[in-house]
Amino acid sequence: SHERICQYIAKESGSLVVSVGYRLAPEHKYPAAYEDCLNATLHFLQHLEHYGVDPARVIVCGDSAGGNLAAAVSQTLAGSSDLPRLRAQILIYPGLQALDFNLPSYQQNRGVPLLFRERAAFYALQYVQGNTSNLDEVLEGSHIPPDLRLKYRKWVSPD
C-alpha cells in the first residue's frame, strides 16, 4: 500500500528507503508488528555496509500504526551502544496514545475522515488484543484503572 510513496521519498531525497511488510492485526496481535519492525531495523543496521548506507544518516519513519511502530523501535534502540544511533524519526499522524479517547484532539477531530474517534479506538483494540469486545468501555475511558490514570495524568490530560 505504501510502495509509491516510498519510491517518491527515495527519489526526491536521494535516499534508500526500506519498507517493512509487518504482520497485521487482528490476525497477528501485538507484539507481532513491533517485532517485525524491530527485527528488520536491527538487520538493516547490522548490514549497512552491504547497502552502502552511511551509519550517521539512518532515519525511521511511519504513518498511523507505522508511526507508532517507528516510535517504539526508536525508543528500543535509543540505549543501544553496539549499533549506529538513529539520526531521527519521522512520525506522520502516529497512533501514540490509547489511554484516553476523550482528549480534545479526539473530540475536535471526531468527524474528520481517517481520524474518527471510534475508528481509532477500534484499530487500537485490534492491534493490542485482536478483538473489539470492550470498545464502549475504551471510548468511555473505563479501561484504565484510576491509579494508572493518575500516574500518567501529567502526560495525558486536556491541560
Protein backbone atom coordinates (compact mmCIF):
# COMPACT_ATOMS: atom_id res chain seq x y z
CA SER A 1 0.00 0.00 0.00
CA HIS A 2 2.93 2.37 0.52
CA GLU A 3 5.21 1.43 -2.37
CA ARG A 4 4.55 4.56 -4.45
CA ILE A 5 5.08 6.99 -1.58
CA CYS A 6 8.28 5.16 -0.60
CA GLN A 7 9.53 5.41 -4.19
CA TYR A 8 8.69 9.13 -4.20
CA ILE A 9 10.53 9.74 -0.92
CA ALA A 10 13.56 7.79 -2.17
CA LYS A 11 13.69 9.69 -5.46
CA GLU A 12 13.13 13.16 -4.02
CA SER A 13 15.53 12.73 -1.11
CA GLY A 14 18.19 10.70 -2.90
CA SER A 15 17.86 8.09 -0.17
CA LEU A 16 17.50 4.36 0.15
CA VAL A 17 14.06 3.54 1.56
CA VAL A 18 13.39 0.19 3.20
CA SER A 19 9.73 -0.61 3.80
CA VAL A 20 8.80 -3.33 6.27
CA GLY A 21 5.86 -5.56 5.40
CA TYR A 22 4.96 -6.28 9.00
CA ARG A 23 2.25 -8.68 10.14
CA LEU A 24 -1.15 -7.06 10.59
CA ALA A 25 -3.85 -7.21 13.23
CA PRO A 26 -6.24 -8.73 14.01
CA GLU A 27 -4.71 -11.98 12.73
CA HIS A 28 -1.40 -11.06 14.36
CA LYS A 29 -1.78 -9.29 17.70
CA TYR A 30 0.78 -7.17 19.48
CA PRO A 31 3.76 -7.57 19.57
CA ALA A 32 3.96 -9.21 16.11
CA ALA A 33 4.14 -5.98 14.08
CA TYR A 34 6.58 -4.41 16.54
CA GLU A 35 8.84 -7.47 16.46
CA ASP A 36 8.81 -7.47 12.64
CA CYS A 37 9.80 -3.80 12.50
CA LEU A 38 12.43 -4.13 15.22
CA ASN A 39 13.98 -7.22 13.60
CA ALA A 40 14.03 -5.58 10.16
CA THR A 41 15.64 -2.44 11.61
CA LEU A 42 18.22 -4.45 13.55
CA HIS A 43 19.11 -6.44 10.44
CA PHE A 44 19.43 -3.27 8.39
CA LEU A 45 21.60 -1.52 11.00
CA GLN A 46 23.84 -4.58 11.27
CA HIS A 47 24.34 -4.70 7.48
CA LEU A 48 24.61 -1.03 6.48
CA GLU A 49 27.85 -1.65 4.58
CA HIS A 50 26.08 -4.15 2.35
CA TYR A 51 23.51 -1.49 1.42
CA GLY A 52 26.06 1.33 1.07
CA VAL A 53 24.39 3.43 3.76
CA ASP A 54 26.13 5.99 5.95
CA PRO A 55 25.52 4.88 9.57
CA ALA A 56 25.07 8.51 10.63
CA ARG A 57 22.13 9.03 8.26
CA VAL A 58 19.60 6.34 9.20
CA ILE A 59 16.06 7.56 9.92
CA VAL A 60 12.95 5.56 10.79
CA CYS A 61 9.59 6.73 9.57
CA GLY A 62 5.98 5.64 9.69
CA ASP A 63 2.43 6.82 9.36
CA SER A 64 -0.56 5.89 11.52
CA ALA A 65 0.16 2.49 13.11
CA GLY A 66 3.54 2.60 11.36
CA GLY A 67 4.24 5.86 13.20
CA ASN A 68 3.58 4.04 16.45
CA LEU A 69 5.94 1.26 15.37
CA ALA A 70 8.66 3.71 14.29
CA ALA A 71 8.45 5.43 17.69
CA ALA A 72 8.60 2.10 19.54
CA VAL A 73 11.60 0.92 17.53
CA SER A 74 13.34 4.26 18.12
CA GLN A 75 12.78 4.02 21.86
CA THR A 76 14.00 0.44 21.95
CA LEU A 77 17.21 1.27 20.08
CA ALA A 78 17.92 4.56 21.86
CA GLY A 79 20.00 2.91 24.56
CA SER A 80 21.88 0.52 22.28
CA SER A 81 25.62 1.13 22.26
CA ASP A 82 26.54 -1.65 19.80
CA LEU A 83 24.54 -0.25 16.85
CA PRO A 84 24.61 3.04 14.95
CA ARG A 85 22.31 5.62 16.51
CA LEU A 86 19.23 6.57 14.59
CA ARG A 87 19.52 10.12 13.30
CA ALA A 88 15.81 10.88 13.56
CA GLN A 89 12.31 9.54 13.50
CA ILE A 90 9.55 10.86 11.28
CA LEU A 91 6.10 10.19 12.68
CA ILE A 92 3.18 11.02 10.36
CA TYR A 93 -0.15 11.13 12.25
CA PRO A 94 1.10 8.37 14.56
CA GLY A 95 -1.14 6.43 16.90
CA LEU A 96 0.71 7.08 20.13
CA GLN A 97 -1.76 7.01 22.98
CA ALA A 98 -4.77 4.88 23.76
CA LEU A 99 -5.23 5.85 27.40
CA ASP A 100 -7.89 8.47 26.77
CA PHE A 101 -10.05 8.76 23.66
CA ASN A 102 -11.82 11.79 25.15
CA LEU A 103 -8.95 14.24 24.94
CA PRO A 104 -9.54 17.45 22.94
CA SER A 105 -7.82 16.19 19.79
CA TYR A 106 -10.17 13.20 19.61
CA GLN A 107 -13.18 15.40 20.32
CA GLN A 108 -12.18 18.09 17.79
CA ASN A 109 -11.45 15.54 15.05
CA ARG A 110 -14.21 13.04 15.81
CA GLY A 111 -15.82 13.65 12.41
CA VAL A 112 -12.67 14.17 10.33
CA PRO A 113 -12.06 11.35 7.81
CA LEU A 114 -9.37 8.91 8.91
CA LEU A 115 -9.35 10.40 12.42
CA PHE A 116 -12.75 9.23 13.58
CA ARG A 117 -12.55 8.68 17.33
CA GLU A 118 -14.41 5.37 17.22
CA ARG A 119 -12.25 4.10 14.36
CA ALA A 120 -9.04 5.00 16.20
CA ALA A 121 -10.19 3.05 19.27
CA PHE A 122 -11.38 0.15 17.11
CA TYR A 123 -7.98 -0.20 15.42
CA ALA A 124 -6.08 0.21 18.68
CA LEU A 125 -8.06 -2.69 20.14
CA GLN A 126 -7.50 -4.81 17.03
CA TYR A 127 -3.77 -4.19 17.35
CA VAL A 128 -3.48 -4.90 21.07
CA GLN A 129 -5.94 -7.73 21.68
CA GLY A 130 -7.32 -8.83 18.30
CA ASN A 131 -10.93 -8.04 19.15
CA THR A 132 -13.13 -5.06 19.95
CA SER A 133 -15.41 -6.57 22.58
CA ASN A 134 -14.73 -3.73 25.02
CA LEU A 135 -14.89 -0.83 22.55
CA ASP A 136 -17.58 1.04 24.53
CA GLU A 137 -15.55 0.82 27.75
CA VAL A 138 -12.46 2.13 25.96
CA LEU A 139 -14.39 5.05 24.47
CA GLU A 140 -15.75 5.87 27.96
CA GLY A 141 -12.25 5.64 29.42
CA SER A 142 -13.13 2.91 31.90
CA HIS A 143 -10.42 0.58 30.56
CA ILE A 144 -7.75 2.42 32.56
CA PRO A 145 -7.61 1.85 36.33
CA PRO A 146 -7.83 5.09 38.37
CA ASP A 147 -4.32 4.69 39.80
CA LEU A 148 -2.82 4.34 36.32
CA ARG A 149 -4.79 7.34 35.07
CA LEU A 150 -3.35 9.40 37.95
CA LYS A 151 0.17 8.17 37.24
CA TYR A 152 0.05 9.33 33.60
CA ARG A 153 -2.14 12.42 34.08
CA LYS A 154 0.93 14.65 33.69
CA TRP A 155 1.41 13.42 30.10
CA VAL A 156 -2.12 12.53 29.05
CA SER A 157 -4.57 15.23 30.01
CA PRO A 158 -6.54 18.05 28.37
CA ASP A 159 -4.19 20.52 30.05
